[in-house]
Amino acid sequence: MALIKRKAYTHSTDIFIGCLALADFLTSVMVIPVPLLVRVPDTTLAVVYCKTIHSAYLYSVCLHASVYTLTGMSVERCLAVVYPLRFKEWVNRRTVLIYLACVWIGAATVFTFAMTTKVINNRCLNLTLNRYRMTLPLFLAALRFGVPSLVMIVTQTMTMLTLRRHSRQLQGTVTGKHGSASNIHSNAQKTVAKMTSLIVLMYFLSLGPPQVLVLIASFSGTIGSFVGSPLYDTIKQIGLVNGCSNPLIYAARYQRFRLAIRDIFRPNVSHRGAPLFDTNDVSHSAKQTSHTEITTVKRGNISNV
């Protein structure tokens, strides 16, 4: 809602965060507890239920879309910091939308094995899933956690090392009342990079333990009894904290987001078209910094004067 109100969905970082919010929201909808039917009629509607709800197909697609949207956002932030001169050439609205479309199409394609669920003897059964019950968890753990984790660790490390090097290079170069454009831009990059790092860290803490336990159960040969157990259901719910925590991280770490939330309920918005999370435009960063300082002074905080 904040991005739509600002019409800021033309900037790469804003597109990623908007799509991440949408994917997390859909994942939350898909995990609303629905009683699973023990017996189903042999009808078309029952087949649709077995293929989408009972098989957790929609949930899996939304969850993987969320994970790989976060992965793409981590790569996008890394390119913006490490290769700033080539960034706009490589990453723009078109390339981001193509990537996100591929993410959703890929997620929908990978989990087509869940669509092989059929109504057999008035029950939802997936013979394909039962055939690969031992190897499938390994594949899903690598796809859901292994590959994204590797990419995010590498990109986040490169981002933080580059920002640290920039900080050392910019020390002592501040000019003017609010600092040089380079310093303002660097500070804005740091803020977004730290916020992204917190989101990635929450991803590891919430989705990491469930995937590790699934791998241990797979290697020990107990995956059949582990899946569906109370422990499995508990850690699966813990993994959902990942999506719920992101809005809180935005609000806690980013003042622009808090202002944008306030602007949703205001009839006249002065920031229309300005990026919300994207920091690749130095002029926008400088203008937003000045506006924030002026707003603080108007509120009576004369210490800044």
C-alpha atoms as a PDB file:
ATOM      1  CA  MET A   1       0.000   0.000   0.000  1.00  0.00           C
ATOM      2  CA  ALA A   2       2.850   2.381   0.811  1.00  0.00           C
ATOM      3  CA  LEU A   3       4.536   1.743  -2.547  1.00  0.00           C
ATOM      4  CA  ILE A   4       1.298   2.125  -4.506  1.00  0.00           C
ATOM      5  CA  LYS A   5       0.461   5.353  -2.666  1.00  0.00           C
ATOM      6  CA  ARG A   6       3.858   6.782  -3.593  1.00  0.00           C
ATOM      7  CA  LYS A   7       3.816   5.285  -7.094  1.00  0.00           C
ATOM      8  CA  ALA A   8       7.392   4.206  -6.340  1.00  0.00           C
ATOM      9  CA  TYR A   9       7.127   0.819  -8.035  1.00  0.00           C
ATOM     10  CA  THR A  10       9.457   1.802 -10.889  1.00  0.00           C
ATOM     11  CA  HIS A  11      12.595   1.410  -8.779  1.00  0.00           C
ATOM     12  CA  SER A  12      14.313  -1.968  -8.536  1.00  0.00           C
ATOM     13  CA  THR A  13      14.625  -2.256  -4.741  1.00  0.00           C
ATOM     14  CA  ASP A  14      11.063  -1.058  -4.244  1.00  0.00           C
ATOM     15  CA  ILE A  15       9.786  -3.642  -6.747  1.00  0.00           C
ATOM     16  CA  PHE A  16      11.655  -6.412  -4.947  1.00  0.00           C
ATOM     17  CA  ILE A  17      10.373  -5.430  -1.493  1.00  0.00           C
ATOM     18  CA  GLY A  18       6.830  -4.959  -2.802  1.00  0.00           C
ATOM     19  CA  CYS A  19       6.858  -8.410  -4.414  1.00  0.00           C
ATOM     20  CA  LEU A  20       8.433  -9.926  -1.288  1.00  0.00           C
ATOM     21  CA  ALA A  21       5.592  -8.467   0.776  1.00  0.00           C
ATOM     22  CA  LEU A  22       3.034  -9.894  -1.662  1.00  0.00           C
ATOM     23  CA  ALA A  23       4.657 -13.353  -1.641  1.00  0.00           C
ATOM     24  CA  ASP A  24       4.840 -13.354   2.178  1.00  0.00           C
ATOM     25  CA  PHE A  25       1.198 -12.303   2.401  1.00  0.00           C
ATOM     26  CA  LEU A  26       0.072 -15.085   0.048  1.00  0.00           C
ATOM     27  CA  THR A  27       2.173 -17.605   1.986  1.00  0.00           C
ATOM     28  CA  SER A  28       0.462 -16.480   5.201  1.00  0.00           C
ATOM     29  CA  VAL A  29      -2.948 -16.948   3.580  1.00  0.00           C
ATOM     30  CA  MET A  30      -2.017 -20.447   2.403  1.00  0.00           C
ATOM     31  CA  VAL A  31      -1.078 -21.610   5.916  1.00  0.00           C
ATOM     32  CA  ILE A  32      -4.383 -20.649   7.510  1.00  0.00           C
ATOM     33  CA  PRO A  33      -5.413 -23.940   9.142  1.00  0.00           C
ATOM     34  CA  VAL A  34      -7.865 -25.852   6.962  1.00  0.00           C
ATOM     35  CA  PRO A  35      -9.149 -29.255   8.132  1.00  0.00           C
ATOM     36  CA  LEU A  36      -7.902 -31.926   5.719  1.00  0.00           C
ATOM     37  CA  LEU A  37     -10.653 -34.211   4.506  1.00  0.00           C
ATOM     38  CA  VAL A  38     -10.240 -37.898   5.297  1.00  0.00           C
ATOM     39  CA  ARG A  39     -12.650 -38.934   2.557  1.00  0.00           C
ATOM     40  CA  VAL A  40     -13.461 -36.977  -0.601  1.00  0.00           C
ATOM     41  CA  PRO A  41     -16.041 -37.584  -3.319  1.00  0.00           C
ATOM     42  CA  ASP A  42     -14.975 -38.521  -6.818  1.00  0.00           C
ATOM     43  CA  THR A  43     -15.857 -35.136  -8.330  1.00  0.00           C
ATOM     44  CA  THR A  44     -14.022 -32.410 -10.249  1.00  0.00           C
ATOM     45  CA  LEU A  45     -14.055 -30.076  -7.250  1.00  0.00           C
ATOM     46  CA  ALA A  46     -12.576 -32.818  -5.067  1.00  0.00           C
ATOM     47  CA  VAL A  47      -9.756 -33.333  -7.579  1.00  0.00           C
ATOM     48  CA  VAL A  48      -8.981 -29.601  -7.511  1.00  0.00           C
ATOM     49  CA  TYR A  49      -8.938 -29.703  -3.702  1.00  0.00           C
ATOM     50  CA  CYS A  50      -6.543 -32.661  -3.667  1.00  0.00           C
ATOM     51  CA  LYS A  51      -4.160 -31.097  -6.183  1.00  0.00           C
ATOM     52  CA  THR A  52      -3.975 -27.619  -4.625  1.00  0.00           C
ATOM     53  CA  ILE A  53      -4.962 -27.629  -0.937  1.00  0.00           C
ATOM     54  CA  HIS A  54      -4.361 -31.172   0.306  1.00  0.00           C
ATOM     55  CA  SER A  55      -1.013 -31.432  -1.528  1.00  0.00           C
ATOM     56  CA  ALA A  56       0.130 -27.991  -0.222  1.00  0.00           C
ATOM     57  CA  TYR A  57       0.932 -27.004  -3.818  1.00  0.00           C
ATOM     58  CA  LEU A  58      -0.130 -23.362  -3.460  1.00  0.00           C
ATOM     59  CA  TYR A  59       1.706 -22.992  -0.153  1.00  0.00           C
ATOM     60  CA  SER A  60       4.931 -24.422  -1.610  1.00  0.00           C
ATOM     61  CA  VAL A  61       4.790 -22.180  -4.677  1.00  0.00           C
ATOM     62  CA  CYS A  62       4.254 -19.019  -2.599  1.00  0.00           C
ATOM     63  CA  LEU A  63       6.957 -19.932  -0.075  1.00  0.00           C
ATOM     64  CA  HIS A  64       9.577 -20.614  -2.761  1.00  0.00           C
ATOM     65  CA  ALA A  65       8.623 -17.435  -4.605  1.00  0.00           C
ATOM     66  CA  SER A  66       9.202 -15.530  -1.348  1.00  0.00           C
ATOM     67  CA  VAL A  67      12.606 -17.159  -0.768  1.00  0.00           C
ATOM     68  CA  TYR A  68      13.885 -16.477  -4.279  1.00  0.00           C
ATOM     69  CA  THR A  69      12.510 -12.938  -4.277  1.00  0.00           C
ATOM     70  CA  LEU A  70      14.599 -12.326  -1.155  1.00  0.00           C
ATOM     71  CA  THR A  71      17.566 -13.967  -2.891  1.00  0.00           C
ATOM     72  CA  GLY A  72      17.169 -11.682  -5.898  1.00  0.00           C
ATOM     73  CA  MET A  73      16.926  -8.643  -3.625  1.00  0.00           C
ATOM     74  CA  SER A  74      20.195  -9.640  -1.948  1.00  0.00           C
ATOM     75  CA  VAL A  75      21.895  -9.901  -5.350  1.00  0.00           C
ATOM     76  CA  GLU A  76      20.391  -6.565  -6.448  1.00  0.00           C
ATOM     77  CA  ARG A  77      21.750  -4.789  -3.351  1.00  0.00           C
ATOM     78  CA  CYS A  78      25.163  -6.356  -3.893  1.00  0.00           C
ATOM     79  CA  LEU A  79      25.336  -5.171  -7.513  1.00  0.00           C
ATOM     80  CA  ALA A  80      24.229  -1.664  -6.492  1.00  0.00           C
ATOM     81  CA  VAL A  81      27.032  -1.376  -3.939  1.00  0.00           C
ATOM     82  CA  VAL A  82      29.847  -3.290  -5.623  1.00  0.00           C
ATOM     83  CA  TYR A  83      29.215  -2.181  -9.235  1.00  0.00           C
ATOM     84  CA  PRO A  84      27.482   1.223  -8.949  1.00  0.00           C
ATOM     85  CA  LEU A  85      28.586   2.457 -12.394  1.00  0.00           C
ATOM     86  CA  ARG A  86      27.183  -0.581 -14.221  1.00  0.00           C
ATOM     87  CA  PHE A  87      24.194  -1.140 -11.949  1.00  0.00           C
ATOM     88  CA  LYS A  88      21.566   0.792 -13.928  1.00  0.00           C
ATOM     89  CA  GLU A  89      22.736  -0.925 -17.088  1.00  0.00           C
ATOM     90  CA  TRP A  90      22.300  -4.381 -15.554  1.00  0.00           C
ATOM     91  CA  VAL A  91      19.333  -3.850 -13.224  1.00  0.00           C
ATOM     92  CA  ASN A  92      16.223  -1.931 -14.202  1.00  0.00           C
ATOM     93  CA  ARG A  93      12.458  -2.288 -13.974  1.00  0.00           C
ATOM     94  CA  ARG A  94      12.321  -4.613 -16.994  1.00  0.00           C
ATOM     95  CA  THR A  95      15.043  -7.018 -15.832  1.00  0.00           C
ATOM     96  CA  VAL A  96      13.604  -7.161 -12.303  1.00  0.00           C
ATOM     97  CA  LEU A  97      10.109  -7.970 -13.567  1.00  0.00           C
ATOM     98  CA  ILE A  98      11.511 -10.656 -15.886  1.00  0.00           C
ATOM     99  CA  TYR A  99      13.399 -12.214 -12.973  1.00  0.00           C
ATOM    100  CA  LEU A 100      10.326 -12.174 -10.716  1.00  0.00           C
ATOM    101  CA  ALA A 101       8.175 -13.680 -13.459  1.00  0.00           C
ATOM    102  CA  CYS A 102      10.741 -16.472 -13.865  1.00  0.00           C
ATOM    103  CA  VAL A 103      10.702 -17.017 -10.092  1.00  0.00           C
ATOM    104  CA  TRP A 104       6.938 -17.565  -9.999  1.00  0.00           C
ATOM    105  CA  ILE A 105       6.878 -19.656 -13.177  1.00  0.00           C
ATOM    106  CA  GLY A 106       9.808 -21.720 -11.909  1.00  0.00           C
ATOM    107  CA  ALA A 107       8.163 -22.309  -8.520  1.00  0.00           C
ATOM    108  CA  ALA A 108       4.898 -23.320 -10.175  1.00  0.00           C
ATOM    109  CA  THR A 109       6.793 -25.706 -12.467  1.00  0.00           C
ATOM    110  CA  VAL A 110       9.026 -27.329  -9.855  1.00  0.00           C
ATOM    111  CA  PHE A 111       6.083 -28.386  -7.709  1.00  0.00           C
ATOM    112  CA  THR A 112       4.059 -29.936 -10.506  1.00  0.00           C
ATOM    113  CA  PHE A 113       4.717 -33.297  -8.840  1.00  0.00           C
ATOM    114  CA  ALA A 114       2.142 -32.210  -6.230  1.00  0.00           C
ATOM    115  CA  MET A 115      -0.413 -31.835  -9.022  1.00  0.00           C
ATOM    116  CA  THR A 116      -0.236 -35.591  -9.690  1.00  0.00           C
ATOM    117  CA  THR A 117      -2.400 -36.130  -6.599  1.00  0.00           C
ATOM    118  CA  LYS A 118      -5.525 -38.068  -7.533  1.00  0.00           C
ATOM    119  CA  VAL A 119      -8.748 -39.228  -5.896  1.00  0.00           C
ATOM    120  CA  ILE A 120      -8.329 -42.948  -5.315  1.00  0.00           C
ATOM    121  CA  ASN A 121     -10.878 -44.852  -3.201  1.00  0.00           C
ATOM    122  CA  ASN A 122     -12.264 -41.542  -1.937  1.00  0.00           C
ATOM    123  CA  ARG A 123      -8.852 -40.412  -0.677  1.00  0.00           C
ATOM    124  CA  CYS A 124      -6.271 -37.899  -1.907  1.00  0.00           C
ATOM    125  CA  LEU A 125      -3.249 -39.990  -2.891  1.00  0.00           C
ATOM    126  CA  ASN A 126      -0.013 -39.072  -4.655  1.00  0.00           C
ATOM    127  CA  LEU A 127       1.759 -42.193  -5.874  1.00  0.00           C
ATOM    128  CA  THR A 128       4.620 -40.142  -7.373  1.00  0.00           C
ATOM    129  CA  LEU A 129       5.283 -38.448  -4.031  1.00  0.00           C
ATOM    130  CA  ASN A 130       5.300 -41.779  -2.196  1.00  0.00           C
ATOM    131  CA  ARG A 131       7.785 -43.194  -4.706  1.00  0.00           C
ATOM    132  CA  TYR A 132      10.351 -40.457  -3.996  1.00  0.00           C
ATOM    133  CA  ARG A 133       9.576 -39.976  -0.295  1.00  0.00           C
ATOM    134  CA  MET A 134      13.203 -40.510   0.740  1.00  0.00           C
ATOM    135  CA  THR A 135      14.963 -38.308  -1.853  1.00  0.00           C
ATOM    136  CA  LEU A 136      12.396 -35.538  -2.276  1.00  0.00           C
ATOM    137  CA  PRO A 137      13.126 -33.836   1.099  1.00  0.00           C
ATOM    138  CA  LEU A 138      16.807 -33.603   0.135  1.00  0.00           C
ATOM    139  CA  PHE A 139      15.918 -31.964  -3.155  1.00  0.00           C
ATOM    140  CA  LEU A 140      13.513 -29.510  -1.523  1.00  0.00           C
ATOM    141  CA  ALA A 141      15.990 -28.629   1.248  1.00  0.00           C
ATOM    142  CA  ALA A 142      18.677 -27.843  -1.338  1.00  0.00           C
ATOM    143  CA  LEU A 143      16.221 -25.828  -3.428  1.00  0.00           C
ATOM    144  CA  ARG A 144      14.544 -24.002  -0.546  1.00  0.00           C
ATOM    145  CA  PHE A 145      17.540 -23.400   1.702  1.00  0.00           C
ATOM    146  CA  GLY A 146      20.868 -24.597   0.264  1.00  0.00           C
ATOM    147  CA  VAL A 147      21.073 -22.615  -2.984  1.00  0.00           C
ATOM    148  CA  PRO A 148      19.468 -19.385  -1.650  1.00  0.00           C
ATOM    149  CA  SER A 149      21.655 -19.490   1.480  1.00  0.00           C
ATOM    150  CA  LEU A 150      24.854 -19.798  -0.529  1.00  0.00           C
ATOM    151  CA  VAL A 151      23.879 -16.912  -2.801  1.00  0.00           C
ATOM    152  CA  MET A 152      22.816 -14.677   0.088  1.00  0.00           C
ATOM    153  CA  ILE A 153      25.945 -15.379   2.149  1.00  0.00           C
ATOM    154  CA  VAL A 154      28.217 -14.488  -0.782  1.00  0.00           C
ATOM    155  CA  THR A 155      26.312 -11.343  -1.796  1.00  0.00           C
ATOM    156  CA  GLN A 156      25.861 -10.052   1.749  1.00  0.00           C
ATOM    157  CA  THR A 157      29.562 -10.563   2.476  1.00  0.00           C
ATOM    158  CA  MET A 158      30.562  -8.692  -0.694  1.00  0.00           C
ATOM    159  CA  THR A 159      28.115  -5.887   0.126  1.00  0.00           C
ATOM    160  CA  MET A 160      29.317  -5.337   3.687  1.00  0.00           C
ATOM    161  CA  LEU A 161      33.015  -5.496   2.724  1.00  0.00           C
ATOM    162  CA  THR A 162      32.492  -2.949  -0.040  1.00  0.00           C
ATOM    163  CA  LEU A 163      30.526  -0.601   2.233  1.00  0.00           C
ATOM    164  CA  ARG A 164      33.274  -0.824   4.844  1.00  0.00           C
ATOM    165  CA  ARG A 165      35.872   0.081   2.232  1.00  0.00           C
ATOM    166  CA  HIS A 166      33.741   3.022   1.068  1.00  0.00           C
ATOM    167  CA  SER A 167      33.451   4.264   4.656  1.00  0.00           C
ATOM    168  CA  ARG A 168      37.216   4.376   5.024  1.00  0.00           C
ATOM    169  CA  GLN A 169      37.594   6.180   1.694  1.00  0.00           C
ATOM    170  CA  LEU A 170      34.946   8.816   2.553  1.00  0.00           C
ATOM    171  CA  GLN A 171      36.260   9.648   6.005  1.00  0.00           C
ATOM    172  CA  GLY A 172      37.026  13.350   6.272  1.00  0.00           C
ATOM    173  CA  THR A 173      35.362  14.281   2.950  1.00  0.00           C
ATOM    174  CA  VAL A 174      32.181  15.817   4.398  1.00  0.00           C
ATOM    175  CA  THR A 175      31.373  19.236   2.929  1.00  0.00           C
ATOM    176  CA  GLY A 176      28.464  21.573   3.439  1.00  0.00           C
ATOM    177  CA  LYS A 177      25.740  21.582   6.064  1.00  0.00           C
ATOM    178  CA  HIS A 178      24.326  18.131   5.312  1.00  0.00           C
ATOM    179  CA  GLY A 179      27.502  16.549   3.930  1.00  0.00           C
ATOM    180  CA  SER A 180      28.497  15.741   0.391  1.00  0.00           C
ATOM    181  CA  ALA A 181      26.203  13.836  -1.971  1.00  0.00           C
ATOM    182  CA  SER A 182      28.629  10.902  -1.846  1.00  0.00           C
ATOM    183  CA  ASN A 183      28.403  10.704   1.945  1.00  0.00           C
ATOM    184  CA  ILE A 184      24.617  10.987   1.914  1.00  0.00           C
ATOM    185  CA  HIS A 185      24.372   8.297  -0.731  1.00  0.00           C
ATOM    186  CA  SER A 186      26.812   6.058   1.129  1.00  0.00           C
ATOM    187  CA  ASN A 187      24.845   6.411   4.367  1.00  0.00           C
ATOM    188  CA  ALA A 188      21.604   5.595   2.552  1.00  0.00           C
ATOM    189  CA  GLN A 189      23.222   2.519   1.001  1.00  0.00           C
ATOM    190  CA  LYS A 190      24.386   1.399   4.452  1.00  0.00           C
ATOM    191  CA  THR A 191      20.900   1.786   5.923  1.00  0.00           C
ATOM    192  CA  VAL A 192      19.256  -0.335   3.241  1.00  0.00           C
ATOM    193  CA  ALA A 193      22.118  -2.863   3.286  1.00  0.00           C
ATOM    194  CA  LYS A 194      21.781  -3.296   7.069  1.00  0.00           C
ATOM    195  CA  MET A 195      18.023  -3.678   6.754  1.00  0.00           C
ATOM    196  CA  THR A 196      18.498  -6.312   4.028  1.00  0.00           C
ATOM    197  CA  SER A 197      21.059  -8.082   6.222  1.00  0.00           C
ATOM    198  CA  LEU A 198      18.542  -8.275   9.080  1.00  0.00           C
ATOM    199  CA  ILE A 199      15.922  -9.729   6.732  1.00  0.00           C
ATOM    200  CA  VAL A 200      18.431 -12.325   5.513  1.00  0.00           C
ATOM    201  CA  LEU A 201      19.457 -13.119   9.105  1.00  0.00           C
ATOM    202  CA  MET A 202      15.816 -13.680  10.075  1.00  0.00           C
ATOM    203  CA  TYR A 203      15.505 -15.955   7.046  1.00  0.00           C
ATOM    204  CA  PHE A 204      18.384 -18.115   8.326  1.00  0.00           C
ATOM    205  CA  LEU A 205      17.071 -18.221  11.907  1.00  0.00           C
ATOM    206  CA  SER A 206      13.513 -19.140  10.911  1.00  0.00           C
ATOM    207  CA  LEU A 207      13.981 -21.464   7.924  1.00  0.00           C
ATOM    208  CA  GLY A 208      17.393 -22.858   8.859  1.00  0.00           C
ATOM    209  CA  PRO A 209      16.468 -25.189  11.760  1.00  0.00           C
ATOM    210  CA  PRO A 210      13.558 -26.881   9.918  1.00  0.00           C
ATOM    211  CA  GLN A 211      15.705 -27.601   6.868  1.00  0.00           C
ATOM    212  CA  VAL A 212      18.610 -28.900   8.977  1.00  0.00           C
ATOM    213  CA  LEU A 213      16.312 -31.295  10.855  1.00  0.00           C
ATOM    214  CA  VAL A 214      14.799 -32.507   7.568  1.00  0.00           C
ATOM    215  CA  LEU A 215      18.286 -33.223   6.219  1.00  0.00           C
ATOM    216  CA  ILE A 216      19.245 -35.093   9.409  1.00  0.00           C
ATOM    217  CA  ALA A 217      16.068 -37.175   9.198  1.00  0.00           C
ATOM    218  CA  SER A 218      16.725 -37.899   5.517  1.00  0.00           C
ATOM    219  CA  PHE A 219      20.283 -39.101   6.089  1.00  0.00           C
ATOM    220  CA  SER A 220      19.267 -41.165   9.139  1.00  0.00           C
ATOM    221  CA  GLY A 221      16.414 -42.842   7.259  1.00  0.00           C
ATOM    222  CA  THR A 222      13.704 -41.561   9.628  1.00  0.00           C
ATOM    223  CA  ILE A 223      12.162 -39.023   7.255  1.00  0.00           C
ATOM    224  CA  GLY A 224       9.014 -41.146   6.895  1.00  0.00           C
ATOM    225  CA  SER A 225       8.144 -40.883  10.595  1.00  0.00           C
ATOM    226  CA  PHE A 226       9.525 -37.341  10.997  1.00  0.00           C
ATOM    227  CA  VAL A 227       7.326 -35.677   8.351  1.00  0.00           C
ATOM    228  CA  GLY A 228       3.914 -35.162   9.911  1.00  0.00           C
ATOM    229  CA  SER A 229       5.162 -35.549  13.488  1.00  0.00           C
ATOM    230  CA  PRO A 230       4.408 -32.880  16.145  1.00  0.00           C
ATOM    231  CA  LEU A 231       8.052 -31.743  16.036  1.00  0.00           C
ATOM    232  CA  TYR A 232       7.885 -31.295  12.249  1.00  0.00           C
ATOM    233  CA  ASP A 233       4.641 -29.308  12.497  1.00  0.00           C
ATOM    234  CA  THR A 234       6.157 -27.092  15.211  1.00  0.00           C
ATOM    235  CA  ILE A 235       9.336 -26.196  13.330  1.00  0.00           C
ATOM    236  CA  LYS A 236       7.293 -25.627  10.185  1.00  0.00           C
ATOM    237  CA  GLN A 237       5.318 -22.951  12.038  1.00  0.00           C
ATOM    238  CA  ILE A 238       8.554 -21.397  13.319  1.00  0.00           C
ATOM    239  CA  GLY A 239       9.667 -21.038   9.715  1.00  0.00           C
ATOM    240  CA  LEU A 240       6.679 -18.811   9.014  1.00  0.00           C
ATOM    241  CA  VAL A 241       8.090 -16.156  11.364  1.00  0.00           C
ATOM    242  CA  ASN A 242      10.321 -15.201   8.413  1.00  0.00           C
ATOM    243  CA  GLY A 243       7.545 -13.481   6.501  1.00  0.00           C
ATOM    244  CA  CYS A 244       5.836 -11.988   9.561  1.00  0.00           C
ATOM    245  CA  SER A 245       9.001 -10.258  10.779  1.00  0.00           C
ATOM    246  CA  ASN A 246       9.833  -8.320   7.608  1.00  0.00           C
ATOM    247  CA  PRO A 247       7.358  -5.425   8.051  1.00  0.00           C
ATOM    248  CA  LEU A 248       8.580  -4.968  11.633  1.00  0.00           C
ATOM    249  CA  ILE A 249      12.174  -4.809  10.383  1.00  0.00           C
ATOM    250  CA  TYR A 250      11.229  -2.179   7.777  1.00  0.00           C
ATOM    251  CA  ALA A 251       9.497  -0.041  10.388  1.00  0.00           C
ATOM    252  CA  ALA A 252      12.231  -0.387  13.010  1.00  0.00           C
ATOM    253  CA  ARG A 253      15.199   0.219  10.722  1.00  0.00           C
ATOM    254  CA  TYR A 254      13.913   2.648   8.093  1.00  0.00           C
ATOM    255  CA  GLN A 255      12.403   6.040   8.779  1.00  0.00           C
ATOM    256  CA  ARG A 256      11.262   6.487   5.181  1.00  0.00           C
ATOM    257  CA  PHE A 257       9.012   3.467   5.568  1.00  0.00           C
ATOM    258  CA  ARG A 258       7.438   4.879   8.730  1.00  0.00           C
ATOM    259  CA  LEU A 259       6.773   8.157   6.913  1.00  0.00           C
ATOM    260  CA  ALA A 260       5.306   6.260   3.950  1.00  0.00           C
ATOM    261  CA  ILE A 261       2.936   4.378   6.267  1.00  0.00           C
ATOM    262  CA  ARG A 262       1.778   7.715   7.651  1.00  0.00           C
ATOM    263  CA  ASP A 263       1.316   9.048   4.108  1.00  0.00           C
ATOM    264  CA  ILE A 264      -1.144   6.250   3.327  1.00  0.00           C
ATOM    265  CA  PHE A 265      -3.696   8.001   5.531  1.00  0.00           C
ATOM    266  CA  ARG A 266      -2.950  11.526   4.280  1.00  0.00           C
ATOM    267  CA  PRO A 267      -4.904  12.951   1.319  1.00  0.00           C
ATOM    268  CA  ASN A 268      -2.032  15.067  -0.014  1.00  0.00           C
ATOM    269  CA  VAL A 269       1.300  13.321  -0.447  1.00  0.00           C
ATOM    270  CA  SER A 270       4.413  15.296  -1.374  1.00  0.00           C
ATOM    271  CA  HIS A 271       6.645  12.273  -2.031  1.00  0.00           C
ATOM    272  CA  ARG A 272       4.752  10.863  -5.016  1.00  0.00           C
ATOM    273  CA  GLY A 273       7.137   9.052  -7.367  1.00  0.00           C
ATOM    274  CA  ALA A 274      10.087   9.185  -4.949  1.00  0.00           C
ATOM    275  CA  PRO A 275      11.766   5.833  -4.230  1.00  0.00           C
ATOM    276  CA  LEU A 276      10.961   4.301  -0.876  1.00  0.00           C
ATOM    277  CA  PHE A 277      13.792   1.806  -0.425  1.00  0.00           C
ATOM    278  CA  ASP A 278      15.862   2.416  -3.564  1.00  0.00           C
ATOM    279  CA  THR A 279      19.027   4.437  -2.811  1.00  0.00           C
ATOM    280  CA  ASN A 280      20.650   4.479  -6.244  1.00  0.00           C
ATOM    281  CA  ASP A 281      19.542   8.037  -6.966  1.00  0.00           C
ATOM    282  CA  VAL A 282      21.826  10.401  -5.025  1.00  0.00           C
ATOM    283  CA  SER A 283      19.531  13.395  -5.528  1.00  0.00           C
ATOM    284  CA  HIS A 284      16.567  11.534  -4.014  1.00  0.00           C
ATOM    285  CA  SER A 285      18.697  10.457  -1.056  1.00  0.00           C
ATOM    286  CA  ALA A 286      19.896  14.004  -0.454  1.00  0.00           C
ATOM    287  CA  LYS A 287      16.409  15.478  -0.777  1.00  0.00           C
ATOM    288  CA  GLN A 288      14.937  12.889   1.579  1.00  0.00           C
ATOM    289  CA  THR A 289      17.695  13.496   4.132  1.00  0.00           C
ATOM    290  CA  SER A 290      17.115  17.255   4.047  1.00  0.00           C
ATOM    291  CA  HIS A 291      13.341  16.773   4.329  1.00  0.00           C
ATOM    292  CA  THR A 292      13.785  14.500   7.339  1.00  0.00           C
ATOM    293  CA  GLU A 293      16.027  17.016   9.110  1.00  0.00           C
ATOM    294  CA  ILE A 294      13.645  19.901   8.385  1.00  0.00           C
ATOM    295  CA  THR A 295      10.706  17.829   9.674  1.00  0.00           C
ATOM    296  CA  THR A 296      12.633  17.064  12.865  1.00  0.00           C
ATOM    297  CA  VAL A 297      13.331  20.776  13.427  1.00  0.00           C
ATOM    298  CA  LYS A 298       9.697  21.672  12.821  1.00  0.00           C
ATOM    299  CA  ARG A 299       8.673  19.172  15.480  1.00  0.00           C
ATOM    300  CA  GLY A 300      10.637  21.201  18.010  1.00  0.00           C
ATOM    301  CA  ASN A 301      13.874  19.256  18.278  1.00  0.00           C
ATOM    302  CA  ILE A 302      16.059  22.376  18.373  1.00  0.00           C
ATOM    303  CA  SER A 303      19.191  20.372  19.098  1.00  0.00           C
ATOM    304  CA  ASN A 304      19.659  19.956  15.329  1.00  0.00           C
ATOM    305  CA  VAL A 305      19.544  23.732  14.895  1.00  0.00           C
END
